[in-house]
Amino acid sequence: MAHKSKYYKELDDGVLDLSMQNLKVFPTADLLPLADRIRRLDLSRNYLTSLPAEISEFSKLSELDLSGNALSELPNQISKCSLIFKLILEGNAITNLPEDFVELKRLFHLDLRGNPLSPHLQDAAGDCQSRRECELAAARVMKFQAVYQLKCIKVRKESEAKKRKEENRAKRAAQEAKLAEKV
């Protein structure tokens, strides 16, 4: 099926460089046929504003460079790319990372420089001026994301419990109104 992609000939031993291609939209249709072959994907210095949920199909992806785009967020599905160990997001508009980002267990190198990160995420990410600092940033961010994920789960459970209570109150009120009607 890989022959259906216009990028087939550019794929070199699992590496696909699509940097500086003036891409405004992630080329899903052209990249999905190659998804199980791409190990390193360079989409730096384009005009991407979002990534599709289909990023989860890139099961062999180990390195992803999205620097110099206009991304304000990453889809939660990026957490399905479990082999990613190097992620470069420098120079985007990202403020937070997705809830399940912590599932990227192999993430070893993370560059978030030049993003308007939330204060807590910025503290975790640090400067990342060297390879070693980017490695430390990955470890700190993953710890931060684990706490963030637990907080999201707690808030969601509390919200669901509140909703159930409200539904039960509404049911009781309807039953009481029905009883009052009969009397």
N, C-alpha and C. Protein backbone atom coordinates (compact mmCIF):
# COMPACT_ATOMS: atom_id res chain seq x y z
N MET A 1 0.81 -1.20 0.00
CA MET A 1 0.00 0.00 0.00
C MET A 1 0.86 1.27 0.00
N ALA A 2 2.10 1.14 0.41
CA ALA A 2 2.96 2.31 0.54
C ALA A 2 3.13 3.06 -0.77
N HIS A 3 2.93 2.41 -1.90
CA HIS A 3 3.09 3.07 -3.19
C HIS A 3 2.04 4.15 -3.43
N LYS A 4 0.99 4.21 -2.62
CA LYS A 4 -0.06 5.21 -2.78
C LYS A 4 0.35 6.56 -2.21
N SER A 5 1.45 6.61 -1.49
CA SER A 5 1.89 7.86 -0.88
C SER A 5 2.84 8.61 -1.80
N LYS A 6 2.63 9.91 -1.90
CA LYS A 6 3.56 10.71 -2.71
C LYS A 6 4.92 10.85 -2.04
N TYR A 7 5.01 10.47 -0.76
CA TYR A 7 6.27 10.55 -0.03
C TYR A 7 7.03 9.24 0.00
N TYR A 8 6.56 8.24 -0.69
CA TYR A 8 7.18 6.92 -0.66
C TYR A 8 8.66 6.99 -1.04
N LYS A 9 8.98 7.72 -2.10
CA LYS A 9 10.37 7.79 -2.57
C LYS A 9 11.25 8.61 -1.64
N GLU A 10 10.64 9.49 -0.84
CA GLU A 10 11.41 10.32 0.08
C GLU A 10 11.72 9.59 1.39
N LEU A 11 11.01 8.51 1.65
CA LEU A 11 11.24 7.74 2.87
C LEU A 11 12.55 6.99 2.72
N ASP A 12 13.52 7.32 3.57
CA ASP A 12 14.84 6.73 3.48
C ASP A 12 15.16 5.98 4.77
N ASP A 13 15.07 4.67 4.73
CA ASP A 13 15.39 3.82 5.87
C ASP A 13 14.64 4.25 7.14
N GLY A 14 13.36 4.51 6.98
CA GLY A 14 12.52 4.87 8.12
C GLY A 14 12.52 6.35 8.47
N VAL A 15 13.28 7.14 7.73
CA VAL A 15 13.39 8.58 8.01
C VAL A 15 12.67 9.36 6.91
N LEU A 16 11.78 10.26 7.35
CA LEU A 16 11.06 11.11 6.39
C LEU A 16 11.22 12.56 6.82
N ASP A 17 11.85 13.36 5.96
CA ASP A 17 12.10 14.77 6.24
C ASP A 17 11.13 15.61 5.43
N LEU A 18 10.15 16.18 6.11
CA LEU A 18 9.19 17.08 5.47
C LEU A 18 9.31 18.49 6.04
N SER A 19 10.52 18.83 6.48
CA SER A 19 10.74 20.17 7.02
C SER A 19 10.70 21.19 5.90
N MET A 20 10.31 22.40 6.25
CA MET A 20 10.27 23.54 5.32
C MET A 20 9.51 23.24 4.03
N GLN A 21 8.37 22.60 4.15
CA GLN A 21 7.55 22.27 2.97
C GLN A 21 6.32 23.16 2.86
N ASN A 22 6.23 24.19 3.71
CA ASN A 22 5.07 25.09 3.75
C ASN A 22 3.76 24.36 4.01
N LEU A 23 3.83 23.28 4.77
CA LEU A 23 2.63 22.51 5.09
C LEU A 23 1.79 23.27 6.11
N LYS A 24 0.51 23.44 5.78
CA LYS A 24 -0.42 24.09 6.69
C LYS A 24 -1.26 23.05 7.42
N VAL A 25 -1.36 21.87 6.82
CA VAL A 25 -2.16 20.78 7.37
C VAL A 25 -1.30 19.51 7.33
N PHE A 26 -1.41 18.72 8.38
CA PHE A 26 -0.71 17.44 8.43
C PHE A 26 -1.19 16.58 7.25
N PRO A 27 -0.27 16.09 6.41
CA PRO A 27 -0.68 15.33 5.21
C PRO A 27 -1.10 13.90 5.53
N THR A 28 -2.21 13.77 6.24
CA THR A 28 -2.69 12.48 6.73
C THR A 28 -2.81 11.44 5.62
N ALA A 29 -3.50 11.79 4.55
CA ALA A 29 -3.74 10.83 3.47
C ALA A 29 -2.44 10.30 2.86
N ASP A 30 -1.44 11.15 2.77
CA ASP A 30 -0.17 10.72 2.17
C ASP A 30 0.75 10.01 3.16
N LEU A 31 0.58 10.27 4.45
CA LEU A 31 1.47 9.66 5.43
C LEU A 31 0.93 8.37 6.04
N LEU A 32 -0.38 8.24 6.12
CA LEU A 32 -0.94 7.01 6.72
C LEU A 32 -0.49 5.73 6.03
N PRO A 33 -0.39 5.69 4.70
CA PRO A 33 0.09 4.45 4.07
C PRO A 33 1.52 4.08 4.48
N LEU A 34 2.27 5.06 4.99
CA LEU A 34 3.66 4.82 5.41
C LEU A 34 3.80 4.74 6.93
N ALA A 35 2.70 4.85 7.64
CA ALA A 35 2.73 4.98 9.10
C ALA A 35 3.54 3.89 9.80
N ASP A 36 3.44 2.66 9.33
CA ASP A 36 4.16 1.58 10.01
C ASP A 36 5.62 1.48 9.57
N ARG A 37 6.06 2.38 8.69
CA ARG A 37 7.45 2.37 8.23
C ARG A 37 8.26 3.55 8.74
N ILE A 38 7.57 4.60 9.17
CA ILE A 38 8.26 5.82 9.58
C ILE A 38 8.75 5.70 11.02
N ARG A 39 10.05 5.85 11.20
CA ARG A 39 10.64 5.84 12.54
C ARG A 39 10.99 7.25 12.99
N ARG A 40 11.50 8.05 12.06
CA ARG A 40 11.82 9.45 12.35
C ARG A 40 11.08 10.33 11.36
N LEU A 41 10.34 11.29 11.93
CA LEU A 41 9.55 12.19 11.09
C LEU A 41 9.89 13.63 11.46
N ASP A 42 10.36 14.38 10.47
CA ASP A 42 10.71 15.78 10.67
C ASP A 42 9.68 16.64 9.94
N LEU A 43 8.87 17.33 10.72
CA LEU A 43 7.87 18.26 10.18
C LEU A 43 8.18 19.68 10.63
N SER A 44 9.43 19.94 10.94
CA SER A 44 9.82 21.25 11.47
C SER A 44 9.70 22.34 10.42
N ARG A 45 9.54 23.54 10.94
CA ARG A 45 9.50 24.78 10.13
C ARG A 45 8.45 24.73 9.03
N ASN A 46 7.24 24.36 9.44
CA ASN A 46 6.08 24.42 8.56
C ASN A 46 5.08 25.37 9.20
N TYR A 47 3.82 25.24 8.84
CA TYR A 47 2.77 26.10 9.39
C TYR A 47 1.65 25.27 10.02
N LEU A 48 2.00 24.14 10.58
CA LEU A 48 1.00 23.25 11.16
C LEU A 48 0.39 23.88 12.41
N THR A 49 -0.93 23.84 12.50
CA THR A 49 -1.63 24.35 13.67
C THR A 49 -2.19 23.23 14.53
N SER A 50 -2.23 22.02 13.98
CA SER A 50 -2.74 20.88 14.75
C SER A 50 -2.21 19.57 14.16
N LEU A 51 -2.28 18.53 14.98
CA LEU A 51 -1.96 17.18 14.54
C LEU A 51 -3.26 16.39 14.58
N PRO A 52 -3.47 15.49 13.64
CA PRO A 52 -4.70 14.70 13.66
C PRO A 52 -4.64 13.56 14.68
N ALA A 53 -5.79 13.07 15.05
CA ALA A 53 -5.86 11.91 15.96
C ALA A 53 -5.16 10.71 15.35
N GLU A 54 -5.07 10.67 14.04
CA GLU A 54 -4.43 9.55 13.35
C GLU A 54 -2.94 9.44 13.62
N ILE A 55 -2.38 10.40 14.34
CA ILE A 55 -0.97 10.29 14.72
C ILE A 55 -0.74 8.99 15.49
N SER A 56 -1.78 8.49 16.11
CA SER A 56 -1.68 7.24 16.88
C SER A 56 -1.36 6.03 15.99
N GLU A 57 -1.56 6.15 14.70
CA GLU A 57 -1.28 5.07 13.76
C GLU A 57 0.21 4.89 13.48
N PHE A 58 1.02 5.85 13.90
CA PHE A 58 2.46 5.81 13.63
C PHE A 58 3.15 5.00 14.72
N SER A 59 2.94 3.71 14.69
CA SER A 59 3.35 2.81 15.76
C SER A 59 4.87 2.61 15.87
N LYS A 60 5.61 2.88 14.83
CA LYS A 60 7.07 2.70 14.84
C LYS A 60 7.82 4.01 15.10
N LEU A 61 7.09 5.10 15.22
CA LEU A 61 7.70 6.42 15.37
C LEU A 61 8.50 6.51 16.65
N SER A 62 9.78 6.86 16.51
CA SER A 62 10.64 7.00 17.69
C SER A 62 11.13 8.44 17.87
N GLU A 63 11.21 9.19 16.78
CA GLU A 63 11.63 10.59 16.85
C GLU A 63 10.68 11.45 16.04
N LEU A 64 10.23 12.55 16.65
CA LEU A 64 9.30 13.45 15.99
C LEU A 64 9.75 14.88 16.23
N ASP A 65 10.00 15.60 15.15
CA ASP A 65 10.40 17.00 15.23
C ASP A 65 9.28 17.86 14.68
N LEU A 66 8.66 18.63 15.56
CA LEU A 66 7.57 19.53 15.19
C LEU A 66 7.94 20.98 15.48
N SER A 67 9.23 21.25 15.61
CA SER A 67 9.67 22.60 15.96
C SER A 67 9.32 23.60 14.87
N GLY A 68 9.11 24.85 15.31
CA GLY A 68 8.88 25.94 14.37
C GLY A 68 7.57 25.85 13.62
N ASN A 69 6.53 25.37 14.26
CA ASN A 69 5.19 25.36 13.67
C ASN A 69 4.31 26.30 14.49
N ALA A 70 3.01 26.13 14.40
CA ALA A 70 2.07 26.98 15.14
C ALA A 70 1.12 26.11 15.96
N LEU A 71 1.65 25.01 16.49
CA LEU A 71 0.83 24.10 17.28
C LEU A 71 0.51 24.71 18.64
N SER A 72 -0.78 24.70 19.01
CA SER A 72 -1.16 25.20 20.32
C SER A 72 -1.43 24.05 21.28
N GLU A 73 -1.61 22.86 20.72
CA GLU A 73 -1.82 21.68 21.54
C GLU A 73 -1.47 20.43 20.75
N LEU A 74 -1.33 19.34 21.48
CA LEU A 74 -1.10 18.03 20.87
C LEU A 74 -2.34 17.18 21.15
N PRO A 75 -2.70 16.31 20.23
CA PRO A 75 -3.83 15.44 20.52
C PRO A 75 -3.46 14.40 21.57
N ASN A 76 -4.42 14.00 22.37
CA ASN A 76 -4.16 12.99 23.40
C ASN A 76 -3.67 11.69 22.76
N GLN A 77 -4.04 11.44 21.51
CA GLN A 77 -3.66 10.22 20.80
C GLN A 77 -2.17 10.09 20.57
N ILE A 78 -1.42 11.16 20.74
CA ILE A 78 0.03 11.06 20.58
C ILE A 78 0.60 10.08 21.61
N SER A 79 -0.12 9.90 22.70
CA SER A 79 0.34 8.97 23.74
C SER A 79 0.35 7.52 23.26
N LYS A 80 -0.31 7.24 22.14
CA LYS A 80 -0.32 5.89 21.56
C LYS A 80 0.97 5.60 20.79
N CYS A 81 1.76 6.63 20.53
CA CYS A 81 3.05 6.44 19.85
C CYS A 81 4.08 6.06 20.91
N SER A 82 3.93 4.88 21.43
CA SER A 82 4.66 4.45 22.62
C SER A 82 6.17 4.30 22.44
N LEU A 83 6.66 4.31 21.21
CA LEU A 83 8.10 4.17 20.99
C LEU A 83 8.85 5.50 20.92
N ILE A 84 8.11 6.61 20.98
CA ILE A 84 8.78 7.92 20.89
C ILE A 84 9.74 8.09 22.05
N PHE A 85 11.00 8.38 21.72
CA PHE A 85 11.97 8.70 22.76
C PHE A 85 12.50 10.11 22.59
N LYS A 86 12.29 10.73 21.43
CA LYS A 86 12.75 12.10 21.21
C LYS A 86 11.62 12.91 20.57
N LEU A 87 11.23 13.99 21.26
CA LEU A 87 10.14 14.84 20.79
C LEU A 87 10.59 16.29 20.88
N ILE A 88 10.62 16.95 19.73
CA ILE A 88 11.06 18.34 19.68
C ILE A 88 9.85 19.20 19.31
N LEU A 89 9.47 20.06 20.26
CA LEU A 89 8.29 20.92 20.10
C LEU A 89 8.68 22.40 20.20
N GLU A 90 9.94 22.70 20.09
CA GLU A 90 10.45 24.06 20.24
C GLU A 90 9.74 25.02 19.29
N GLY A 91 9.42 26.22 19.79
CA GLY A 91 8.92 27.29 18.93
C GLY A 91 7.51 27.09 18.42
N ASN A 92 6.62 26.62 19.26
CA ASN A 92 5.21 26.51 18.90
C ASN A 92 4.40 27.41 19.84
N ALA A 93 3.14 27.12 20.02
CA ALA A 93 2.27 27.92 20.90
C ALA A 93 1.62 27.03 21.95
N ILE A 94 2.35 26.02 22.39
CA ILE A 94 1.82 25.03 23.33
C ILE A 94 1.85 25.58 24.76
N THR A 95 0.71 25.45 25.45
CA THR A 95 0.64 25.89 26.85
C THR A 95 0.62 24.68 27.79
N ASN A 96 0.01 23.58 27.36
CA ASN A 96 -0.09 22.37 28.16
C ASN A 96 0.07 21.15 27.28
N LEU A 97 0.35 20.04 27.91
CA LEU A 97 0.45 18.77 27.19
C LEU A 97 -0.80 17.94 27.47
N PRO A 98 -1.14 17.00 26.60
CA PRO A 98 -2.35 16.21 26.81
C PRO A 98 -2.28 15.35 28.07
N GLU A 99 -3.44 15.04 28.60
CA GLU A 99 -3.55 14.29 29.84
C GLU A 99 -2.77 12.98 29.81
N ASP A 100 -2.86 12.22 28.72
CA ASP A 100 -2.22 10.91 28.64
C ASP A 100 -0.77 10.96 28.16
N PHE A 101 -0.18 12.14 28.08
CA PHE A 101 1.20 12.30 27.64
C PHE A 101 2.15 11.42 28.46
N VAL A 102 1.77 11.19 29.70
CA VAL A 102 2.58 10.38 30.61
C VAL A 102 2.74 8.94 30.12
N GLU A 103 1.91 8.52 29.18
CA GLU A 103 1.99 7.17 28.62
C GLU A 103 3.19 7.00 27.68
N LEU A 104 3.85 8.08 27.35
CA LEU A 104 5.05 8.00 26.50
C LEU A 104 6.22 7.57 27.38
N LYS A 105 6.20 6.35 27.80
CA LYS A 105 7.14 5.82 28.80
C LYS A 105 8.60 5.84 28.34
N ARG A 106 8.84 5.85 27.04
CA ARG A 106 10.22 5.82 26.53
C ARG A 106 10.77 7.21 26.24
N LEU A 107 9.97 8.24 26.46
CA LEU A 107 10.41 9.60 26.15
C LEU A 107 11.66 9.93 26.97
N PHE A 108 12.72 10.24 26.26
CA PHE A 108 14.03 10.46 26.87
C PHE A 108 14.53 11.88 26.63
N HIS A 109 14.03 12.49 25.56
CA HIS A 109 14.50 13.83 25.15
C HIS A 109 13.26 14.65 24.77
N LEU A 110 13.08 15.78 25.47
CA LEU A 110 11.93 16.64 25.21
C LEU A 110 12.37 18.09 25.17
N ASP A 111 12.06 18.76 24.07
CA ASP A 111 12.42 20.17 23.91
C ASP A 111 11.14 20.98 23.76
N LEU A 112 10.85 21.79 24.78
CA LEU A 112 9.65 22.64 24.78
C LEU A 112 10.00 24.13 24.76
N ARG A 113 11.24 24.47 24.46
CA ARG A 113 11.66 25.87 24.45
C ARG A 113 10.78 26.70 23.51
N GLY A 114 10.60 27.96 23.87
CA GLY A 114 9.92 28.88 22.97
C GLY A 114 8.42 28.66 22.88
N ASN A 115 7.83 28.03 23.88
CA ASN A 115 6.38 27.85 23.94
C ASN A 115 5.85 28.63 25.15
N PRO A 116 4.63 29.15 25.07
CA PRO A 116 4.05 29.87 26.21
C PRO A 116 3.47 28.87 27.22
N LEU A 117 4.33 28.05 27.79
CA LEU A 117 3.90 26.99 28.69
C LEU A 117 3.24 27.54 29.95
N SER A 118 2.32 26.76 30.51
CA SER A 118 1.74 27.12 31.80
C SER A 118 2.90 27.18 32.80
N PRO A 119 2.78 28.01 33.85
CA PRO A 119 3.91 28.19 34.77
C PRO A 119 4.45 26.88 35.36
N HIS A 120 3.57 25.97 35.77
CA HIS A 120 4.03 24.71 36.36
C HIS A 120 4.75 23.83 35.34
N LEU A 121 4.23 23.81 34.13
CA LEU A 121 4.88 23.02 33.08
C LEU A 121 6.22 23.66 32.71
N GLN A 122 6.28 24.97 32.68
CA GLN A 122 7.54 25.66 32.39
C GLN A 122 8.59 25.33 33.44
N ASP A 123 8.18 25.31 34.71
CA ASP A 123 9.11 24.95 35.78
C ASP A 123 9.65 23.54 35.58
N ALA A 124 8.77 22.62 35.18
CA ALA A 124 9.19 21.23 34.96
C ALA A 124 10.10 21.12 33.74
N ALA A 125 9.77 21.84 32.67
CA ALA A 125 10.52 21.73 31.42
C ALA A 125 11.91 22.34 31.52
N GLY A 126 12.04 23.42 32.25
CA GLY A 126 13.35 24.07 32.36
C GLY A 126 13.80 24.69 31.04
N ASP A 127 15.11 24.92 30.92
CA ASP A 127 15.65 25.64 29.77
C ASP A 127 15.89 24.78 28.54
N CYS A 128 16.43 23.61 28.73
CA CYS A 128 16.71 22.70 27.62
C CYS A 128 17.66 23.32 26.60
N GLN A 129 18.79 23.84 27.08
CA GLN A 129 19.77 24.44 26.17
C GLN A 129 20.79 23.43 25.65
N SER A 130 20.82 22.25 26.27
CA SER A 130 21.75 21.21 25.82
C SER A 130 21.02 19.88 25.76
N ARG A 131 21.68 18.91 25.17
CA ARG A 131 21.09 17.57 25.08
C ARG A 131 20.77 17.03 26.48
N ARG A 132 21.69 17.20 27.40
CA ARG A 132 21.50 16.71 28.77
C ARG A 132 20.31 17.41 29.43
N GLU A 133 20.18 18.72 29.25
CA GLU A 133 19.05 19.46 29.83
C GLU A 133 17.72 18.99 29.24
N CYS A 134 17.71 18.65 27.96
CA CYS A 134 16.49 18.14 27.33
C CYS A 134 16.13 16.75 27.88
N GLU A 135 17.14 15.99 28.21
CA GLU A 135 16.90 14.67 28.82
C GLU A 135 16.32 14.84 30.23
N LEU A 136 16.89 15.78 30.99
CA LEU A 136 16.37 16.06 32.32
C LEU A 136 14.95 16.64 32.23
N ALA A 137 14.72 17.48 31.23
CA ALA A 137 13.39 18.06 31.04
C ALA A 137 12.36 16.97 30.81
N ALA A 138 12.72 15.98 30.01
CA ALA A 138 11.79 14.88 29.74
C ALA A 138 11.41 14.18 31.03
N ALA A 139 12.38 13.90 31.86
CA ALA A 139 12.11 13.20 33.13
C ALA A 139 11.23 14.05 34.04
N ARG A 140 11.55 15.34 34.16
CA ARG A 140 10.76 16.22 35.04
C ARG A 140 9.34 16.41 34.51
N VAL A 141 9.21 16.59 33.21
CA VAL A 141 7.88 16.79 32.62
C VAL A 141 7.03 15.53 32.79
N MET A 142 7.65 14.38 32.64
CA MET A 142 6.88 13.14 32.81
C MET A 142 6.37 13.00 34.25
N LYS A 143 7.18 13.40 35.23
CA LYS A 143 6.72 13.38 36.62
C LYS A 143 5.57 14.36 36.80
N PHE A 144 5.72 15.55 36.24
CA PHE A 144 4.67 16.57 36.32
C PHE A 144 3.39 16.06 35.66
N GLN A 145 3.53 15.44 34.49
CA GLN A 145 2.35 14.94 33.76
C GLN A 145 1.66 13.82 34.54
N ALA A 146 2.40 13.01 35.26
CA ALA A 146 1.78 11.95 36.06
C ALA A 146 0.87 12.56 37.12
N VAL A 147 1.35 13.61 37.77
CA VAL A 147 0.53 14.31 38.77
C VAL A 147 -0.67 14.97 38.09
N TYR A 148 -0.43 15.58 36.94
CA TYR A 148 -1.50 16.24 36.19
C TYR A 148 -2.57 15.23 35.77
N GLN A 149 -2.16 14.06 35.31
CA GLN A 149 -3.11 13.03 34.91
C GLN A 149 -3.98 12.60 36.09
N LEU A 150 -3.35 12.38 37.25
CA LEU A 150 -4.12 12.00 38.44
C LEU A 150 -5.12 13.09 38.82
N LYS A 151 -4.72 14.34 38.72
CA LYS A 151 -5.61 15.46 39.01
C LYS A 151 -6.78 15.47 38.04
N CYS A 152 -6.53 15.26 36.77
CA CYS A 152 -7.60 15.22 35.76
C CYS A 152 -8.58 14.09 36.05
N ILE A 153 -8.07 12.95 36.43
CA ILE A 153 -8.93 11.81 36.76
C ILE A 153 -9.79 12.14 37.97
N LYS A 154 -9.18 12.75 38.99
CA LYS A 154 -9.92 13.12 40.19
C LYS A 154 -11.03 14.13 39.87
N VAL A 155 -10.70 15.15 39.10
CA VAL A 155 -11.68 16.17 38.73
C VAL A 155 -12.82 15.54 37.93
N ARG A 156 -12.47 14.63 37.02
CA ARG A 156 -13.49 13.97 36.20
C ARG A 156 -14.42 13.12 37.08
N LYS A 157 -13.85 12.39 38.02
CA LYS A 157 -14.66 11.56 38.92
C LYS A 157 -15.57 12.43 39.77
N GLU A 158 -15.03 13.52 40.30
CA GLU A 158 -15.85 14.43 41.10
C GLU A 158 -16.98 15.03 40.28
N SER A 159 -16.69 15.38 39.06
CA SER A 159 -17.71 15.93 38.16
C SER A 159 -18.81 14.90 37.87
N GLU A 160 -18.39 13.67 37.62
CA GLU A 160 -19.36 12.59 37.37
C GLU A 160 -20.22 12.33 38.60
N ALA A 161 -19.61 12.35 39.78
CA ALA A 161 -20.36 12.13 41.02
C ALA A 161 -21.37 13.26 41.24
N LYS A 162 -20.94 14.48 40.97
CA LYS A 162 -21.84 15.63 41.11
C LYS A 162 -23.00 15.52 40.13
N LYS A 163 -22.70 15.11 38.93
CA LYS A 163 -23.75 14.95 37.91
C LYS A 163 -24.75 13.87 38.34
N ARG A 164 -24.24 12.74 38.86
CA ARG A 164 -25.13 11.68 39.34
C ARG A 164 -26.02 12.17 40.48
N LYS A 165 -25.44 12.95 41.40
CA LYS A 165 -26.22 13.50 42.51
C LYS A 165 -27.34 14.40 41.98
N GLU A 166 -27.01 15.23 41.02
CA GLU A 166 -28.00 16.14 40.45
C GLU A 166 -29.11 15.36 39.73
N GLU A 167 -28.72 14.31 39.02
CA GLU A 167 -29.70 13.48 38.34
C GLU A 167 -30.61 12.79 39.36
N ASN A 168 -30.04 12.29 40.46
CA ASN A 168 -30.83 11.65 41.51
C ASN A 168 -31.78 12.65 42.16
N ARG A 169 -31.31 13.86 42.42
CA ARG A 169 -32.17 14.91 42.98
C ARG A 169 -33.33 15.21 42.05
N ALA A 170 -33.02 15.31 40.77
CA ALA A 170 -34.06 15.60 39.78
C ALA A 170 -35.09 14.47 39.73
N LYS A 171 -34.62 13.22 39.80
CA LYS A 171 -35.54 12.08 39.81
C LYS A 171 -36.44 12.11 41.04
N ARG A 172 -35.83 12.38 42.23
CA ARG A 172 -36.61 12.46 43.46
C ARG A 172 -37.63 13.58 43.40
N ALA A 173 -37.22 14.71 42.87
CA ALA A 173 -38.13 15.85 42.75
C ALA A 173 -39.29 15.50 41.82
N ALA A 174 -38.99 14.79 40.74
CA ALA A 174 -40.04 14.38 39.80
C ALA A 174 -40.99 13.39 40.47
N GLN A 175 -40.43 12.46 41.24
CA GLN A 175 -41.27 11.48 41.95
C GLN A 175 -42.14 12.17 43.00
N GLU A 176 -41.55 13.13 43.73
CA GLU A 176 -42.32 13.85 44.74
C GLU A 176 -43.43 14.67 44.10
N ALA A 177 -43.13 15.27 42.95
CA ALA A 177 -44.15 16.05 42.24
C ALA A 177 -45.27 15.14 41.77
N LYS A 178 -44.92 13.95 41.33
CA LYS A 178 -45.91 12.98 40.87
C LYS A 178 -46.81 12.55 42.05
N LEU A 179 -46.19 12.31 43.20
CA LEU A 179 -46.94 11.92 44.40
C LEU A 179 -47.86 13.07 44.84
N ALA A 180 -47.36 14.28 44.81
CA ALA A 180 -48.16 15.45 45.20
C ALA A 180 -49.33 15.62 44.26
N GLU A 181 -49.13 15.31 43.02
CA GLU A 181 -50.18 15.40 42.01
C GLU A 181 -51.31 14.42 42.31
N LYS A 182 -50.95 13.21 42.74
CA LYS A 182 -51.92 12.17 43.06
C LYS A 182 -52.74 12.56 44.29
N VAL A 183 -52.12 13.21 45.25
CA VAL A 183 -52.79 13.59 46.50
C VAL A 183 -53.62 14.81 46.22
